[in-house]
PDB file of all heavy atoms in Angstrom:
ATOM      1  N   SER A   1      18.386   2.400  -5.427  1.00  0.00           N
ATOM      2  CA  SER A   1      17.296   1.859  -4.601  1.00  0.00           C
ATOM      3  C   SER A   1      16.144   2.857  -4.665  1.00  0.00           C
ATOM      4  O   SER A   1      16.312   3.989  -5.115  1.00  0.00           O
ATOM      5  CB  SER A   1      17.746   1.633  -3.161  1.00  0.00           C
ATOM      6  OG  SER A   1      18.126   2.850  -2.544  1.00  0.00           O
ATOM      7  N   ASP A   2      14.981   2.449  -4.181  1.00  0.00           N
ATOM      8  CA  ASP A   2      13.792   3.295  -4.259  1.00  0.00           C
ATOM      9  C   ASP A   2      12.770   2.774  -3.264  1.00  0.00           C
ATOM     10  O   ASP A   2      12.539   1.557  -3.183  1.00  0.00           O
ATOM     11  CB  ASP A   2      13.225   3.252  -5.687  1.00  0.00           C
ATOM     12  CG  ASP A   2      12.182   4.331  -5.957  1.00  0.00           C
ATOM     13  OD1 ASP A   2      11.962   5.165  -5.076  1.00  0.00           O
ATOM     14  OD2 ASP A   2      11.598   4.311  -7.061  1.00  0.00           O
ATOM     15  N   MET A   3      12.166   3.643  -2.501  1.00  0.00           N
ATOM     16  CA  MET A   3      11.102   3.235  -1.600  1.00  0.00           C
ATOM     17  C   MET A   3      10.237   4.435  -1.238  1.00  0.00           C
ATOM     18  O   MET A   3      10.687   5.578  -1.301  1.00  0.00           O
ATOM     19  CB  MET A   3      11.655   2.586  -0.314  1.00  0.00           C
ATOM     20  CG  MET A   3      12.420   3.532   0.587  1.00  0.00           C
ATOM     21  SD  MET A   3      12.990   2.724   2.116  1.00  0.00           S
ATOM     22  CE  MET A   3      11.425   2.554   2.995  1.00  0.00           C
ATOM     23  N   THR A   4       8.996   4.155  -0.886  1.00  0.00           N
ATOM     24  CA  THR A   4       8.096   5.205  -0.397  1.00  0.00           C
ATOM     25  C   THR A   4       7.353   4.684   0.825  1.00  0.00           C
ATOM     26  O   THR A   4       6.887   3.530   0.824  1.00  0.00           O
ATOM     27  CB  THR A   4       7.059   5.603  -1.461  1.00  0.00           C
ATOM     28  OG1 THR A   4       7.727   5.982  -2.667  1.00  0.00           O
ATOM     29  CG2 THR A   4       6.216   6.772  -0.984  1.00  0.00           C
ATOM     30  N   ARG A   5       7.246   5.530   1.826  1.00  0.00           N
ATOM     31  CA  ARG A   5       6.400   5.240   2.962  1.00  0.00           C
ATOM     32  C   ARG A   5       5.576   6.480   3.297  1.00  0.00           C
ATOM     33  O   ARG A   5       6.050   7.611   3.172  1.00  0.00           O
ATOM     34  CB  ARG A   5       7.227   4.825   4.178  1.00  0.00           C
ATOM     35  CG  ARG A   5       7.866   3.440   4.051  1.00  0.00           C
ATOM     36  CD  ARG A   5       6.817   2.356   4.021  1.00  0.00           C
ATOM     37  NE  ARG A   5       7.384   1.011   4.003  1.00  0.00           N
ATOM     38  CZ  ARG A   5       7.655   0.308   2.914  1.00  0.00           C
ATOM     39  NH1 ARG A   5       7.459   0.875   1.714  1.00  0.00           N
ATOM     40  NH2 ARG A   5       8.138  -0.913   3.000  1.00  0.00           N
ATOM     41  N   THR A   6       4.345   6.248   3.664  1.00  0.00           N
ATOM     42  CA  THR A   6       3.449   7.305   4.114  1.00  0.00           C
ATOM     43  C   THR A   6       3.109   7.045   5.576  1.00  0.00           C
ATOM     44  O   THR A   6       2.625   5.950   5.920  1.00  0.00           O
ATOM     45  CB  THR A   6       2.159   7.331   3.264  1.00  0.00           C
ATOM     46  OG1 THR A   6       2.514   7.558   1.888  1.00  0.00           O
ATOM     47  CG2 THR A   6       1.227   8.440   3.727  1.00  0.00           C
ATOM     48  N   VAL A   7       3.392   8.005   6.437  1.00  0.00           N
ATOM     49  CA  VAL A   7       3.123   7.880   7.864  1.00  0.00           C
ATOM     50  C   VAL A   7       2.228   9.041   8.300  1.00  0.00           C
ATOM     51  O   VAL A   7       2.070  10.022   7.581  1.00  0.00           O
ATOM     52  CB  VAL A   7       4.435   7.873   8.681  1.00  0.00           C
ATOM     53  CG1 VAL A   7       5.346   6.730   8.236  1.00  0.00           C
ATOM     54  CG2 VAL A   7       5.175   9.209   8.554  1.00  0.00           C
ATOM     55  N   ALA A   8       1.659   8.929   9.490  1.00  0.00           N
ATOM     56  CA  ALA A   8       0.804   9.996  10.027  1.00  0.00           C
ATOM     57  C   ALA A   8       1.415  10.550  11.291  1.00  0.00           C
ATOM     58  O   ALA A   8       2.081   9.835  12.046  1.00  0.00           O
ATOM     59  CB  ALA A   8      -0.599   9.463  10.303  1.00  0.00           C
ATOM     60  N   LEU A   9       1.170  11.819  11.546  1.00  0.00           N
ATOM     61  CA  LEU A   9       1.652  12.460  12.765  1.00  0.00           C
ATOM     62  C   LEU A   9       0.472  12.676  13.718  1.00  0.00           C
ATOM     63  O   LEU A   9      -0.516  13.326  13.357  1.00  0.00           O
ATOM     64  CB  LEU A   9       2.305  13.807  12.454  1.00  0.00           C
ATOM     65  CG  LEU A   9       2.844  14.566  13.679  1.00  0.00           C
ATOM     66  CD1 LEU A   9       4.003  13.811  14.327  1.00  0.00           C
ATOM     67  CD2 LEU A   9       3.278  15.983  13.301  1.00  0.00           C
ATOM     68  N   GLY A  10       0.577  12.123  14.905  1.00  0.00           N
ATOM     69  CA  GLY A  10      -0.418  12.344  15.946  1.00  0.00           C
ATOM     70  C   GLY A  10      -1.630  11.446  15.851  1.00  0.00           C
ATOM     71  O   GLY A  10      -1.929  10.681  16.775  1.00  0.00           O
ATOM     72  N   TYR A  11      -2.340  11.513  14.749  1.00  0.00           N
ATOM     73  CA  TYR A  11      -3.534  10.695  14.568  1.00  0.00           C
ATOM     74  C   TYR A  11      -3.867  10.628  13.086  1.00  0.00           C
ATOM     75  O   TYR A  11      -3.347  11.402  12.274  1.00  0.00           O
ATOM     76  CB  TYR A  11      -4.719  11.276  15.348  1.00  0.00           C
ATOM     77  CG  TYR A  11      -5.194  12.609  14.817  1.00  0.00           C
ATOM     78  CD1 TYR A  11      -6.205  12.688  13.851  1.00  0.00           C
ATOM     79  CD2 TYR A  11      -4.632  13.804  15.280  1.00  0.00           C
ATOM     80  CE1 TYR A  11      -6.627  13.913  13.351  1.00  0.00           C
ATOM     81  CE2 TYR A  11      -5.064  15.038  14.789  1.00  0.00           C
ATOM     82  CZ  TYR A  11      -6.053  15.078  13.823  1.00  0.00           C
ATOM     83  OH  TYR A  11      -6.479  16.290  13.327  1.00  0.00           O
ATOM     84  N   ALA A  12      -4.719   9.691  12.723  1.00  0.00           N
ATOM     85  CA  ALA A  12      -5.226   9.558  11.360  1.00  0.00           C
ATOM     86  C   ALA A  12      -6.736   9.414  11.428  1.00  0.00           C
ATOM     87  O   ALA A  12      -7.265   8.653  12.258  1.00  0.00           O
ATOM     88  CB  ALA A  12      -4.608   8.363  10.654  1.00  0.00           C
ATOM     89  N   THR A  13      -7.448  10.129  10.586  1.00  0.00           N
ATOM     90  CA  THR A  13      -8.902  10.024  10.552  1.00  0.00           C
ATOM     91  C   THR A  13      -9.318   8.677   9.997  1.00  0.00           C
ATOM     92  O   THR A  13      -8.513   7.933   9.404  1.00  0.00           O
ATOM     93  CB  THR A  13      -9.511  11.135   9.690  1.00  0.00           C
ATOM     94  OG1 THR A  13      -9.091  10.925   8.317  1.00  0.00           O
ATOM     95  CG2 THR A  13      -9.050  12.507  10.164  1.00  0.00           C
ATOM     96  N   GLU A  14     -10.593   8.360  10.147  1.00  0.00           N
ATOM     97  CA  GLU A  14     -11.105   7.089   9.622  1.00  0.00           C
ATOM     98  C   GLU A  14     -10.918   7.019   8.110  1.00  0.00           C
ATOM     99  O   GLU A  14     -10.557   5.970   7.563  1.00  0.00           O
ATOM    100  CB  GLU A  14     -12.582   6.925   9.985  1.00  0.00           C
ATOM    101  CG  GLU A  14     -13.170   5.602   9.523  1.00  0.00           C
ATOM    102  CD  GLU A  14     -14.621   5.433   9.943  1.00  0.00           C
ATOM    103  OE1 GLU A  14     -15.129   6.258  10.727  1.00  0.00           O
ATOM    104  OE2 GLU A  14     -15.260   4.468   9.484  1.00  0.00           O
ATOM    105  N   LYS A  15     -11.133   8.147   7.424  1.00  0.00           N
ATOM    106  CA  LYS A  15     -10.956   8.155   5.972  1.00  0.00           C
ATOM    107  C   LYS A  15      -9.495   7.929   5.613  1.00  0.00           C
ATOM    108  O   LYS A  15      -9.184   7.188   4.660  1.00  0.00           O
ATOM    109  CB  LYS A  15     -11.438   9.475   5.391  1.00  0.00           C
ATOM    110  CG  LYS A  15     -11.382   9.535   3.866  1.00  0.00           C
ATOM    111  CD  LYS A  15     -12.004  10.818   3.326  1.00  0.00           C
ATOM    112  CE  LYS A  15     -12.038  10.821   1.804  1.00  0.00           C
ATOM    113  NZ  LYS A  15     -12.662  12.066   1.270  1.00  0.00           N
ATOM    114  N   MET A  16      -8.590   8.549   6.338  1.00  0.00           N
ATOM    115  CA  MET A  16      -7.158   8.349   6.089  1.00  0.00           C
ATOM    116  C   MET A  16      -6.778   6.883   6.268  1.00  0.00           C
ATOM    117  O   MET A  16      -6.064   6.294   5.451  1.00  0.00           O
ATOM    118  CB  MET A  16      -6.327   9.237   7.011  1.00  0.00           C
ATOM    119  CG  MET A  16      -6.433  10.731   6.708  1.00  0.00           C
ATOM    120  SD  MET A  16      -5.768  11.780   8.026  1.00  0.00           S
ATOM    121  CE  MET A  16      -4.011  11.390   7.953  1.00  0.00           C
ATOM    122  N   ARG A  17      -7.266   6.278   7.346  1.00  0.00           N
ATOM    123  CA  ARG A  17      -6.959   4.867   7.610  1.00  0.00           C
ATOM    124  C   ARG A  17      -7.530   3.975   6.511  1.00  0.00           C
ATOM    125  O   ARG A  17      -6.879   3.020   6.070  1.00  0.00           O
ATOM    126  CB  ARG A  17      -7.536   4.449   8.964  1.00  0.00           C
ATOM    127  CG  ARG A  17      -6.830   5.091  10.156  1.00  0.00           C
ATOM    128  CD  ARG A  17      -7.564   4.735  11.455  1.00  0.00           C
ATOM    129  NE  ARG A  17      -6.963   5.373  12.614  1.00  0.00           N
ATOM    130  CZ  ARG A  17      -6.013   4.833  13.370  1.00  0.00           C
ATOM    131  NH1 ARG A  17      -5.543   3.634  13.077  1.00  0.00           N
ATOM    132  NH2 ARG A  17      -5.540   5.496  14.409  1.00  0.00           N
ATOM    133  N   ASN A  18      -8.756   4.278   6.075  1.00  0.00           N
ATOM    134  CA  ASN A  18      -9.393   3.463   5.041  1.00  0.00           C
ATOM    135  C   ASN A  18      -8.605   3.519   3.735  1.00  0.00           C
ATOM    136  O   ASN A  18      -8.332   2.481   3.115  1.00  0.00           O
ATOM    137  CB  ASN A  18     -10.817   3.960   4.824  1.00  0.00           C
ATOM    138  CG  ASN A  18     -11.540   3.147   3.752  1.00  0.00           C
ATOM    139  OD1 ASN A  18     -11.539   1.910   3.803  1.00  0.00           O
ATOM    140  ND2 ASN A  18     -12.155   3.824   2.798  1.00  0.00           N
ATOM    141  N   ILE A  19      -8.224   4.727   3.311  1.00  0.00           N
ATOM    142  CA  ILE A  19      -7.461   4.870   2.071  1.00  0.00           C
ATOM    143  C   ILE A  19      -6.131   4.160   2.189  1.00  0.00           C
ATOM    144  O   ILE A  19      -5.692   3.468   1.255  1.00  0.00           O
ATOM    145  CB  ILE A  19      -7.247   6.364   1.741  1.00  0.00           C
ATOM    146  CG1 ILE A  19      -8.582   7.066   1.469  1.00  0.00           C
ATOM    147  CG2 ILE A  19      -6.296   6.536   0.559  1.00  0.00           C
ATOM    148  CD1 ILE A  19      -9.294   6.596   0.244  1.00  0.00           C
ATOM    149  N   TYR A  20      -5.477   4.325   3.318  1.00  0.00           N
ATOM    150  CA  TYR A  20      -4.180   3.676   3.514  1.00  0.00           C
ATOM    151  C   TYR A  20      -4.298   2.168   3.341  1.00  0.00           C
ATOM    152  O   TYR A  20      -3.475   1.546   2.655  1.00  0.00           O
ATOM    153  CB  TYR A  20      -3.628   4.008   4.910  1.00  0.00           C
ATOM    154  CG  TYR A  20      -2.189   3.553   5.080  1.00  0.00           C
ATOM    155  CD1 TYR A  20      -1.137   4.441   4.857  1.00  0.00           C
ATOM    156  CD2 TYR A  20      -1.877   2.236   5.424  1.00  0.00           C
ATOM    157  CE1 TYR A  20       0.186   4.023   4.989  1.00  0.00           C
ATOM    158  CE2 TYR A  20      -0.568   1.817   5.555  1.00  0.00           C
ATOM    159  CZ  TYR A  20       0.457   2.712   5.333  1.00  0.00           C
ATOM    160  OH  TYR A  20       1.771   2.290   5.452  1.00  0.00           O
ATOM    161  N   HIS A  21      -5.306   1.576   3.957  1.00  0.00           N
ATOM    162  CA  HIS A  21      -5.431   0.119   3.909  1.00  0.00           C
ATOM    163  C   HIS A  21      -5.835  -0.381   2.525  1.00  0.00           C
ATOM    164  O   HIS A  21      -5.473  -1.502   2.134  1.00  0.00           O
ATOM    165  CB  HIS A  21      -6.387  -0.366   4.989  1.00  0.00           C
ATOM    166  CG  HIS A  21      -5.825  -0.237   6.381  1.00  0.00           C
ATOM    167  ND1 HIS A  21      -4.686  -0.909   6.776  1.00  0.00           N
ATOM    168  CD2 HIS A  21      -6.202   0.523   7.436  1.00  0.00           C
ATOM    169  CE1 HIS A  21      -4.405  -0.598   8.033  1.00  0.00           C
ATOM    170  NE2 HIS A  21      -5.308   0.274   8.456  1.00  0.00           N
ATOM    171  N   ILE A  22      -6.551   0.428   1.760  1.00  0.00           N
ATOM    172  CA  ILE A  22      -6.845   0.041   0.360  1.00  0.00           C
ATOM    173  C   ILE A  22      -5.546  -0.024  -0.435  1.00  0.00           C
ATOM    174  O   ILE A  22      -5.306  -0.996  -1.180  1.00  0.00           O
ATOM    175  CB  ILE A  22      -7.826   1.051  -0.278  1.00  0.00           C
ATOM    176  CG1 ILE A  22      -9.188   0.954   0.389  1.00  0.00           C
ATOM    177  CG2 ILE A  22      -7.953   0.783  -1.786  1.00  0.00           C
ATOM    178  CD1 ILE A  22     -10.132   2.098   0.002  1.00  0.00           C
ATOM    179  N   VAL A  23      -4.705   0.994  -0.287  1.00  0.00           N
ATOM    180  CA  VAL A  23      -3.420   1.023  -1.010  1.00  0.00           C
ATOM    181  C   VAL A  23      -2.542  -0.142  -0.562  1.00  0.00           C
ATOM    182  O   VAL A  23      -1.910  -0.821  -1.391  1.00  0.00           O
ATOM    183  CB  VAL A  23      -2.703   2.364  -0.783  1.00  0.00           C
ATOM    184  CG1 VAL A  23      -1.311   2.335  -1.405  1.00  0.00           C
ATOM    185  CG2 VAL A  23      -3.513   3.507  -1.389  1.00  0.00           C
ATOM    186  N   LEU A  24      -2.503  -0.388   0.734  1.00  0.00           N
ATOM    187  CA  LEU A  24      -1.678  -1.484   1.249  1.00  0.00           C
ATOM    188  C   LEU A  24      -2.162  -2.835   0.719  1.00  0.00           C
ATOM    189  O   LEU A  24      -1.346  -3.668   0.303  1.00  0.00           O
ATOM    190  CB  LEU A  24      -1.706  -1.469   2.777  1.00  0.00           C
ATOM    191  CG  LEU A  24      -0.856  -2.551   3.473  1.00  0.00           C
ATOM    192  CD1 LEU A  24       0.601  -2.430   3.083  1.00  0.00           C
ATOM    193  CD2 LEU A  24      -1.021  -2.457   4.987  1.00  0.00           C
ATOM    194  N   GLN A  25      -3.472  -3.046   0.702  1.00  0.00           N
ATOM    195  CA  GLN A  25      -4.005  -4.295   0.157  1.00  0.00           C
ATOM    196  C   GLN A  25      -3.666  -4.445  -1.309  1.00  0.00           C
ATOM    197  O   GLN A  25      -3.258  -5.520  -1.772  1.00  0.00           O
ATOM    198  CB  GLN A  25      -5.519  -4.362   0.340  1.00  0.00           C
ATOM    199  CG  GLN A  25      -6.137  -5.645  -0.224  1.00  0.00           C
ATOM    200  CD  GLN A  25      -7.657  -5.608  -0.267  1.00  0.00           C
ATOM    201  OE1 GLN A  25      -8.278  -4.594   0.076  1.00  0.00           O
ATOM    202  NE2 GLN A  25      -8.272  -6.690  -0.718  1.00  0.00           N
ATOM    203  N   ALA A  26      -3.804  -3.345  -2.059  1.00  0.00           N
ATOM    204  CA  ALA A  26      -3.494  -3.394  -3.500  1.00  0.00           C
ATOM    205  C   ALA A  26      -2.023  -3.754  -3.713  1.00  0.00           C
ATOM    206  O   ALA A  26      -1.699  -4.568  -4.605  1.00  0.00           O
ATOM    207  CB  ALA A  26      -3.809  -2.039  -4.129  1.00  0.00           C
ATOM    208  N   GLN A  27      -1.136  -3.168  -2.910  1.00  0.00           N
ATOM    209  CA  GLN A  27       0.277  -3.456  -3.090  1.00  0.00           C
ATOM    210  C   GLN A  27       0.593  -4.906  -2.728  1.00  0.00           C
ATOM    211  O   GLN A  27       1.302  -5.615  -3.451  1.00  0.00           O
ATOM    212  CB  GLN A  27       1.132  -2.496  -2.257  1.00  0.00           C
ATOM    213  CG  GLN A  27       2.595  -2.517  -2.681  1.00  0.00           C
ATOM    214  CD  GLN A  27       3.555  -2.445  -1.522  1.00  0.00           C
ATOM    215  OE1 GLN A  27       3.282  -2.975  -0.437  1.00  0.00           O
ATOM    216  NE2 GLN A  27       4.695  -1.800  -1.741  1.00  0.00           N
ATOM    217  N   LYS A  28       0.072  -5.366  -1.597  1.00  0.00           N
ATOM    218  CA  LYS A  28       0.351  -6.741  -1.153  1.00  0.00           C
ATOM    219  C   LYS A  28      -0.146  -7.769  -2.166  1.00  0.00           C
ATOM    220  O   LYS A  28       0.556  -8.746  -2.480  1.00  0.00           O
ATOM    221  CB  LYS A  28      -0.275  -6.985   0.218  1.00  0.00           C
ATOM    222  CG  LYS A  28       0.458  -6.324   1.373  1.00  0.00           C
ATOM    223  CD  LYS A  28      -0.223  -6.680   2.695  1.00  0.00           C
ATOM    224  CE  LYS A  28       0.576  -6.168   3.887  1.00  0.00           C
ATOM    225  NZ  LYS A  28      -0.089  -6.497   5.183  1.00  0.00           N
ATOM    226  N   GLU A  29      -1.371  -7.550  -2.682  1.00  0.00           N
ATOM    227  CA  GLU A  29      -1.936  -8.509  -3.637  1.00  0.00           C
ATOM    228  C   GLU A  29      -1.134  -8.512  -4.933  1.00  0.00           C
ATOM    229  O   GLU A  29      -0.894  -9.571  -5.535  1.00  0.00           O
ATOM    230  CB  GLU A  29      -3.395  -8.156  -3.912  1.00  0.00           C
ATOM    231  CG  GLU A  29      -4.325  -8.384  -2.747  1.00  0.00           C
ATOM    232  CD  GLU A  29      -4.503  -9.861  -2.403  1.00  0.00           C
ATOM    233  OE1 GLU A  29      -4.347 -10.704  -3.300  1.00  0.00           O
ATOM    234  OE2 GLU A  29      -4.773 -10.152  -1.224  1.00  0.00           O
ATOM    235  N   ALA A  30      -0.719  -7.351  -5.394  1.00  0.00           N
ATOM    236  CA  ALA A  30       0.042  -7.277  -6.646  1.00  0.00           C
ATOM    237  C   ALA A  30       1.425  -7.909  -6.476  1.00  0.00           C
ATOM    238  O   ALA A  30       1.908  -8.583  -7.383  1.00  0.00           O
ATOM    239  CB  ALA A  30       0.165  -5.827  -7.114  1.00  0.00           C
ATOM    240  N   ILE A  31       2.060  -7.687  -5.333  1.00  0.00           N
ATOM    241  CA  ILE A  31       3.359  -8.332  -5.092  1.00  0.00           C
ATOM    242  C   ILE A  31       3.186  -9.848  -5.073  1.00  0.00           C
ATOM    243  O   ILE A  31       3.982 -10.594  -5.665  1.00  0.00           O
ATOM    244  CB  ILE A  31       3.983  -7.827  -3.774  1.00  0.00           C
ATOM    245  CG1 ILE A  31       4.451  -6.378  -3.937  1.00  0.00           C
ATOM    246  CG2 ILE A  31       5.146  -8.709  -3.356  1.00  0.00           C
ATOM    247  CD1 ILE A  31       4.971  -5.738  -2.661  1.00  0.00           C
ATOM    248  N   SER A  32       2.130 -10.323  -4.437  1.00  0.00           N
ATOM    249  CA  SER A  32       1.874 -11.776  -4.396  1.00  0.00           C
ATOM    250  C   SER A  32       1.631 -12.340  -5.794  1.00  0.00           C
ATOM    251  O   SER A  32       1.939 -13.507  -6.064  1.00  0.00           O
ATOM    252  CB  SER A  32       0.660 -12.074  -3.508  1.00  0.00           C
ATOM    253  OG  SER A  32       0.915 -11.734  -2.170  1.00  0.00           O
ATOM    254  N   GLY A  33       1.071 -11.505  -6.681  1.00  0.00           N
ATOM    255  CA  GLY A  33       0.765 -11.955  -8.041  1.00  0.00           C
ATOM    256  C   GLY A  33       1.865 -11.711  -9.050  1.00  0.00           C
ATOM    257  O   GLY A  33       1.709 -12.030 -10.229  1.00  0.00           O
ATOM    258  N   THR A  34       2.998 -11.152  -8.597  1.00  0.00           N
ATOM    259  CA  THR A  34       4.094 -10.846  -9.528  1.00  0.00           C
ATOM    260  C   THR A  34       4.938 -12.081  -9.765  1.00  0.00           C
ATOM    261  O   THR A  34       5.413 -12.730  -8.826  1.00  0.00           O
ATOM    262  CB  THR A  34       4.983  -9.719  -8.947  1.00  0.00           C
ATOM    263  OG1 THR A  34       4.201  -8.533  -8.829  1.00  0.00           O
ATOM    264  CG2 THR A  34       6.173  -9.452  -9.849  1.00  0.00           C
ATOM    265  N   ARG A  35       5.137 -12.415 -11.014  1.00  0.00           N
ATOM    266  CA  ARG A  35       6.027 -13.516 -11.389  1.00  0.00           C
ATOM    267  C   ARG A  35       6.412 -13.340 -12.852  1.00  0.00           C
ATOM    268  O   ARG A  35       5.718 -12.671 -13.628  1.00  0.00           O
ATOM    269  CB  ARG A  35       5.364 -14.869 -11.170  1.00  0.00           C
ATOM    270  CG  ARG A  35       4.135 -15.139 -12.021  1.00  0.00           C
ATOM    271  CD  ARG A  35       3.640 -16.570 -11.850  1.00  0.00           C
ATOM    272  NE  ARG A  35       2.480 -16.845 -12.685  1.00  0.00           N
ATOM    273  CZ  ARG A  35       1.234 -16.625 -12.311  1.00  0.00           C
ATOM    274  NH1 ARG A  35       0.977 -16.119 -11.132  1.00  0.00           N
ATOM    275  NH2 ARG A  35       0.229 -16.899 -13.146  1.00  0.00           N
ATOM    276  N   ALA A  36       7.528 -13.936 -13.226  1.00  0.00           N
ATOM    277  CA  ALA A  36       7.997 -13.851 -14.606  1.00  0.00           C
ATOM    278  C   ALA A  36       6.957 -14.453 -15.550  1.00  0.00           C
ATOM    279  O   ALA A  36       6.314 -15.451 -15.242  1.00  0.00           O
ATOM    280  CB  ALA A  36       9.320 -14.575 -14.750  1.00  0.00           C
ATOM    281  N   GLY A  37       6.799 -13.819 -16.700  1.00  0.00           N
ATOM    282  CA  GLY A  37       5.846 -14.306 -17.698  1.00  0.00           C
ATOM    283  C   GLY A  37       4.550 -13.541 -17.693  1.00  0.00           C
ATOM    284  O   GLY A  37       3.851 -13.494 -18.719  1.00  0.00           O
ATOM    285  N   ARG A  38       4.186 -12.952 -16.564  1.00  0.00           N
ATOM    286  CA  ARG A  38       3.017 -12.090 -16.545  1.00  0.00           C
ATOM    287  C   ARG A  38       3.378 -10.753 -17.183  1.00  0.00           C
ATOM    288  O   ARG A  38       4.482 -10.265 -17.015  1.00  0.00           O
ATOM    289  CB  ARG A  38       2.526 -11.856 -15.115  1.00  0.00           C
ATOM    290  CG  ARG A  38       1.620 -12.951 -14.612  1.00  0.00           C
ATOM    291  CD  ARG A  38       0.875 -12.543 -13.357  1.00  0.00           C
ATOM    292  NE  ARG A  38      -0.341 -13.328 -13.199  1.00  0.00           N
ATOM    293  CZ  ARG A  38      -1.084 -13.345 -12.112  1.00  0.00           C
ATOM    294  NH1 ARG A  38      -0.740 -12.593 -11.076  1.00  0.00           N
ATOM    295  NH2 ARG A  38      -2.173 -14.090 -12.040  1.00  0.00           N
ATOM    296  N   THR A  39       2.441 -10.181 -17.901  1.00  0.00           N
ATOM    297  CA  THR A  39       2.737  -8.919 -18.565  1.00  0.00           C
ATOM    298  C   THR A  39       2.718  -7.772 -17.550  1.00  0.00           C
ATOM    299  O   THR A  39       2.130  -7.893 -16.461  1.00  0.00           O
ATOM    300  CB  THR A  39       1.713  -8.617 -19.679  1.00  0.00           C
ATOM    301  OG1 THR A  39       0.443  -8.336 -19.070  1.00  0.00           O
ATOM    302  CG2 THR A  39       1.592  -9.786 -20.641  1.00  0.00           C
TER     303      THR A  39
END
């Protein structure tokens, strides 16, 4: 098995939150677009 999670301790700056949500959006969209036959 394999997994990664990134969490924050105490607080996250606006830049940290922004970067996190870009990565999360990228992952969600790619998972939604994953299907057999795509390269």
